[in-house]
């Protein structure tokens, strides 16, 4: 599915609260820009039977006290086996999701530090990491109200 259709699907499936569809439309250019930097239009995300995404905690080799929580996005279903223990639990399934939907979910995934997209099938050496904090800052910039001229009262002096 192309990116425009993915974005339209996000807008169409947004809660009809009068706000969310407009917010999705406002961040659509940024979602598309990031998605275009990735190689695939869909990725596989490990999920529990309840639909919760599987988090992996990574430790820094040089500084074992430094950790981050990531979600892996696999380019093919076969690549799930590249991550140790990823496909061993029968309660965990790999589900395909459009890339823009994965990025959109990143805003709401509080415990997640980043999503690691495995770009080249069959290997874990070529990845793209999208950090949640940087992603959220970019999305916030997209939804900021335009700098409107402020009304200055005539008696300000």
C-alpha atoms as a PDB file:
ATOM      1  CA  UNK A   1       0.000   0.000   0.000  1.00  0.00           C
ATOM      2  CA  UNK A   2       1.461   3.374  -0.940  1.00  0.00           C
ATOM      3  CA  UNK A   3       2.093   6.059   1.660  1.00  0.00           C
ATOM      4  CA  UNK A   4      -0.841   8.272   0.631  1.00  0.00           C
ATOM      5  CA  UNK A   5      -3.259   5.375   1.113  1.00  0.00           C
ATOM      6  CA  UNK A   6      -1.658   4.539   4.462  1.00  0.00           C
ATOM      7  CA  UNK A   7      -2.088   8.124   5.674  1.00  0.00           C
ATOM      8  CA  UNK A   8      -5.678   8.226   4.433  1.00  0.00           C
ATOM      9  CA  UNK A   9      -6.370   4.986   6.314  1.00  0.00           C
ATOM     10  CA  UNK A  10      -4.963   6.541   9.499  1.00  0.00           C
ATOM     11  CA  UNK A  11      -7.221   9.578   9.031  1.00  0.00           C
ATOM     12  CA  UNK A  12     -10.267   7.449   8.221  1.00  0.00           C
ATOM     13  CA  UNK A  13      -9.709   5.229  11.284  1.00  0.00           C
ATOM     14  CA  UNK A  14      -9.017   8.091  13.695  1.00  0.00           C
ATOM     15  CA  UNK A  15     -11.595   8.597  16.432  1.00  0.00           C
ATOM     16  CA  UNK A  16     -14.333  10.888  15.086  1.00  0.00           C
ATOM     17  CA  UNK A  17     -13.798  13.383  17.887  1.00  0.00           C
ATOM     18  CA  UNK A  18     -13.384  16.381  15.616  1.00  0.00           C
ATOM     19  CA  UNK A  19      -9.703  16.747  16.596  1.00  0.00           C
ATOM     20  CA  UNK A  20      -7.762  13.544  15.939  1.00  0.00           C
ATOM     21  CA  UNK A  21      -8.386  13.334  12.168  1.00  0.00           C
ATOM     22  CA  UNK A  22      -7.117  16.925  11.833  1.00  0.00           C
ATOM     23  CA  UNK A  23      -4.041  16.146  13.934  1.00  0.00           C
ATOM     24  CA  UNK A  24      -3.259  13.109  11.790  1.00  0.00           C
ATOM     25  CA  UNK A  25      -3.623  15.234   8.657  1.00  0.00           C
ATOM     26  CA  UNK A  26      -1.337  17.886  10.187  1.00  0.00           C
ATOM     27  CA  UNK A  27       1.471  15.410  10.895  1.00  0.00           C
ATOM     28  CA  UNK A  28       0.988  13.482   7.643  1.00  0.00           C
ATOM     29  CA  UNK A  29       3.830  15.274   5.802  1.00  0.00           C
ATOM     30  CA  UNK A  30       6.304  14.391   8.565  1.00  0.00           C
ATOM     31  CA  UNK A  31       5.073  10.789   8.725  1.00  0.00           C
ATOM     32  CA  UNK A  32       5.501  10.483   4.960  1.00  0.00           C
ATOM     33  CA  UNK A  33       8.950  12.084   5.006  1.00  0.00           C
ATOM     34  CA  UNK A  34      10.245   9.591   7.571  1.00  0.00           C
ATOM     35  CA  UNK A  35       8.504   6.641   5.899  1.00  0.00           C
ATOM     36  CA  UNK A  36      10.114   7.561   2.562  1.00  0.00           C
ATOM     37  CA  UNK A  37      13.545   7.157   4.141  1.00  0.00           C
ATOM     38  CA  UNK A  38      12.720   3.536   4.947  1.00  0.00           C
ATOM     39  CA  UNK A  39      12.919   0.784   2.343  1.00  0.00           C
ATOM     40  CA  UNK A  40       9.608  -0.986   2.893  1.00  0.00           C
ATOM     41  CA  UNK A  41       5.965   0.036   2.960  1.00  0.00           C
ATOM     42  CA  UNK A  42       5.147  -2.498   5.681  1.00  0.00           C
ATOM     43  CA  UNK A  43       7.043  -4.204   8.490  1.00  0.00           C
ATOM     44  CA  UNK A  44       6.322  -7.060  10.870  1.00  0.00           C
ATOM     45  CA  UNK A  45       5.956  -6.197  14.559  1.00  0.00           C
ATOM     46  CA  UNK A  46       6.029  -8.823  17.302  1.00  0.00           C
ATOM     47  CA  UNK A  47       2.816  -8.677  19.308  1.00  0.00           C
ATOM     48  CA  UNK A  48       1.177 -10.575  22.131  1.00  0.00           C
ATOM     49  CA  UNK A  49      -2.154 -12.266  21.484  1.00  0.00           C
ATOM     50  CA  UNK A  50      -3.760  -9.171  23.073  1.00  0.00           C
ATOM     51  CA  UNK A  51      -2.067  -6.924  20.509  1.00  0.00           C
ATOM     52  CA  UNK A  52       0.629  -5.459  22.784  1.00  0.00           C
ATOM     53  CA  UNK A  53       3.938  -4.820  21.043  1.00  0.00           C
ATOM     54  CA  UNK A  54       6.939  -6.778  22.286  1.00  0.00           C
ATOM     55  CA  UNK A  55       9.683  -4.615  23.806  1.00  0.00           C
ATOM     56  CA  UNK A  56      13.341  -5.608  23.852  1.00  0.00           C
ATOM     57  CA  UNK A  57      15.683  -4.040  26.379  1.00  0.00           C
ATOM     58  CA  UNK A  58      19.154  -3.404  24.987  1.00  0.00           C
ATOM     59  CA  UNK A  59      22.213  -2.734  27.152  1.00  0.00           C
ATOM     60  CA  UNK A  60      25.218  -0.697  26.127  1.00  0.00           C
ATOM     61  CA  UNK A  61      28.302  -2.969  25.988  1.00  0.00           C
ATOM     62  CA  UNK A  62      30.657  -0.233  27.164  1.00  0.00           C
ATOM     63  CA  UNK A  63      28.272   0.946  29.872  1.00  0.00           C
ATOM     64  CA  UNK A  64      25.973  -1.907  31.004  1.00  0.00           C
ATOM     65  CA  UNK A  65      23.960   0.491  33.172  1.00  0.00           C
ATOM     66  CA  UNK A  66      22.773   2.296  30.040  1.00  0.00           C
ATOM     67  CA  UNK A  67      19.684   0.638  28.636  1.00  0.00           C
ATOM     68  CA  UNK A  68      17.035   1.429  26.073  1.00  0.00           C
ATOM     69  CA  UNK A  69      13.771  -0.246  25.161  1.00  0.00           C
ATOM     70  CA  UNK A  70      13.136  -0.873  21.491  1.00  0.00           C
ATOM     71  CA  UNK A  71      10.558  -2.443  19.232  1.00  0.00           C
ATOM     72  CA  UNK A  72      11.943  -4.298  16.247  1.00  0.00           C
ATOM     73  CA  UNK A  73      10.260  -3.811  12.870  1.00  0.00           C
ATOM     74  CA  UNK A  74      11.169  -6.693  10.549  1.00  0.00           C
ATOM     75  CA  UNK A  75      11.134  -6.314   6.779  1.00  0.00           C
ATOM     76  CA  UNK A  76      10.017  -9.945   6.261  1.00  0.00           C
ATOM     77  CA  UNK A  77       8.310 -12.551   8.415  1.00  0.00           C
ATOM     78  CA  UNK A  78      11.391 -14.782   8.077  1.00  0.00           C
ATOM     79  CA  UNK A  79      13.585 -12.121   9.686  1.00  0.00           C
ATOM     80  CA  UNK A  80      11.841 -12.590  13.035  1.00  0.00           C
ATOM     81  CA  UNK A  81      14.174 -15.556  13.572  1.00  0.00           C
ATOM     82  CA  UNK A  82      17.224 -13.221  13.344  1.00  0.00           C
ATOM     83  CA  UNK A  83      16.561 -11.894  16.845  1.00  0.00           C
ATOM     84  CA  UNK A  84      17.336 -14.448  19.579  1.00  0.00           C
ATOM     85  CA  UNK A  85      14.198 -15.676  21.347  1.00  0.00           C
ATOM     86  CA  UNK A  86      11.928 -13.427  19.246  1.00  0.00           C
ATOM     87  CA  UNK A  87       9.824 -16.189  17.783  1.00  0.00           C
ATOM     88  CA  UNK A  88      10.094 -18.781  20.546  1.00  0.00           C
ATOM     89  CA  UNK A  89       7.013 -17.827  22.555  1.00  0.00           C
ATOM     90  CA  UNK A  90       3.793 -19.286  21.101  1.00  0.00           C
ATOM     91  CA  UNK A  91       1.907 -16.349  22.661  1.00  0.00           C
ATOM     92  CA  UNK A  92       3.812 -13.944  20.392  1.00  0.00           C
ATOM     93  CA  UNK A  93       2.949 -13.342  16.729  1.00  0.00           C
ATOM     94  CA  UNK A  94       4.543 -11.224  14.020  1.00  0.00           C
ATOM     95  CA  UNK A  95       1.902  -9.009  12.408  1.00  0.00           C
ATOM     96  CA  UNK A  96       2.359  -6.897   9.281  1.00  0.00           C
ATOM     97  CA  UNK A  97       1.641  -3.195   9.687  1.00  0.00           C
ATOM     98  CA  UNK A  98       1.938  -0.267   7.275  1.00  0.00           C
ATOM     99  CA  UNK A  99       5.065   1.777   8.012  1.00  0.00           C
ATOM    100  CA  UNK A 100       3.137   5.012   8.666  1.00  0.00           C
ATOM    101  CA  UNK A 101       0.954   3.215  11.224  1.00  0.00           C
ATOM    102  CA  UNK A 102       4.060   1.977  13.052  1.00  0.00           C
ATOM    103  CA  UNK A 103       5.481   5.493  13.125  1.00  0.00           C
ATOM    104  CA  UNK A 104       2.156   6.934  14.290  1.00  0.00           C
ATOM    105  CA  UNK A 105       2.019   4.413  17.161  1.00  0.00           C
ATOM    106  CA  UNK A 106       5.501   5.461  18.256  1.00  0.00           C
ATOM    107  CA  UNK A 107       4.046   8.717  19.617  1.00  0.00           C
ATOM    108  CA  UNK A 108       1.882   6.834  22.105  1.00  0.00           C
ATOM    109  CA  UNK A 109       4.297   4.074  23.130  1.00  0.00           C
ATOM    110  CA  UNK A 110       5.410   5.518  26.460  1.00  0.00           C
ATOM    111  CA  UNK A 111       7.905   2.838  27.524  1.00  0.00           C
ATOM    112  CA  UNK A 112       9.553   2.659  24.085  1.00  0.00           C
ATOM    113  CA  UNK A 113      12.742   4.603  23.386  1.00  0.00           C
ATOM    114  CA  UNK A 114      12.866   3.777  19.668  1.00  0.00           C
ATOM    115  CA  UNK A 115      11.800   1.521  16.835  1.00  0.00           C
ATOM    116  CA  UNK A 116      14.568  -0.328  15.045  1.00  0.00           C
ATOM    117  CA  UNK A 117      13.681  -1.037  11.418  1.00  0.00           C
ATOM    118  CA  UNK A 118      15.589  -4.002   9.972  1.00  0.00           C
ATOM    119  CA  UNK A 119      15.948  -2.848   6.389  1.00  0.00           C
ATOM    120  CA  UNK A 120      17.747  -5.667   4.586  1.00  0.00           C
ATOM    121  CA  UNK A 121      16.050  -9.071   4.627  1.00  0.00           C
ATOM    122  CA  UNK A 122      18.212 -11.830   6.089  1.00  0.00           C
ATOM    123  CA  UNK A 123      20.544  -9.610   8.120  1.00  0.00           C
ATOM    124  CA  UNK A 124      20.561  -7.412  11.192  1.00  0.00           C
ATOM    125  CA  UNK A 125      23.468  -5.255  10.025  1.00  0.00           C
ATOM    126  CA  UNK A 126      21.459  -2.614   8.146  1.00  0.00           C
ATOM    127  CA  UNK A 127      18.994  -0.946  10.480  1.00  0.00           C
ATOM    128  CA  UNK A 128      17.359   2.448  10.833  1.00  0.00           C
ATOM    129  CA  UNK A 129      16.506   3.603  14.324  1.00  0.00           C
ATOM    130  CA  UNK A 130      13.711   6.118  14.866  1.00  0.00           C
ATOM    131  CA  UNK A 131      14.019   7.566  18.355  1.00  0.00           C
ATOM    132  CA  UNK A 132      10.762   8.376  20.076  1.00  0.00           C
ATOM    133  CA  UNK A 133      11.903  11.687  21.629  1.00  0.00           C
ATOM    134  CA  UNK A 134      13.172  13.103  18.347  1.00  0.00           C
ATOM    135  CA  UNK A 135      10.112  11.801  16.519  1.00  0.00           C
ATOM    136  CA  UNK A 136       7.761  13.437  19.030  1.00  0.00           C
ATOM    137  CA  UNK A 137       9.586  16.775  18.720  1.00  0.00           C
ATOM    138  CA  UNK A 138       9.194  16.635  14.954  1.00  0.00           C
ATOM    139  CA  UNK A 139       5.467  15.835  15.288  1.00  0.00           C
ATOM    140  CA  UNK A 140       5.005  18.679  17.798  1.00  0.00           C
ATOM    141  CA  UNK A 141       6.521  21.098  15.294  1.00  0.00           C
ATOM    142  CA  UNK A 142       3.981  19.930  12.721  1.00  0.00           C
ATOM    143  CA  UNK A 143       0.989  20.644  14.954  1.00  0.00           C
ATOM    144  CA  UNK A 144       2.148  23.954  16.449  1.00  0.00           C
ATOM    145  CA  UNK A 145      -0.238  26.748  15.645  1.00  0.00           C
ATOM    146  CA  UNK A 146       1.220  29.155  13.153  1.00  0.00           C
ATOM    147  CA  UNK A 147       2.839  32.166  14.712  1.00  0.00           C
ATOM    148  CA  UNK A 148      -0.096  34.483  14.656  1.00  0.00           C
ATOM    149  CA  UNK A 149       0.401  38.202  15.111  1.00  0.00           C
ATOM    150  CA  UNK A 150      -0.568  39.037  18.645  1.00  0.00           C
ATOM    151  CA  UNK A 151      -2.928  41.822  19.386  1.00  0.00           C
ATOM    152  CA  UNK A 152      -1.025  44.464  21.298  1.00  0.00           C
ATOM    153  CA  UNK A 153      -3.275  46.596  23.463  1.00  0.00           C
ATOM    154  CA  UNK A 154      -3.025  50.319  22.636  1.00  0.00           C
ATOM    155  CA  UNK A 155      -2.463  51.221  26.287  1.00  0.00           C
ATOM    156  CA  UNK A 156       0.543  48.937  26.790  1.00  0.00           C
ATOM    157  CA  UNK A 157       2.976  51.796  27.523  1.00  0.00           C
END
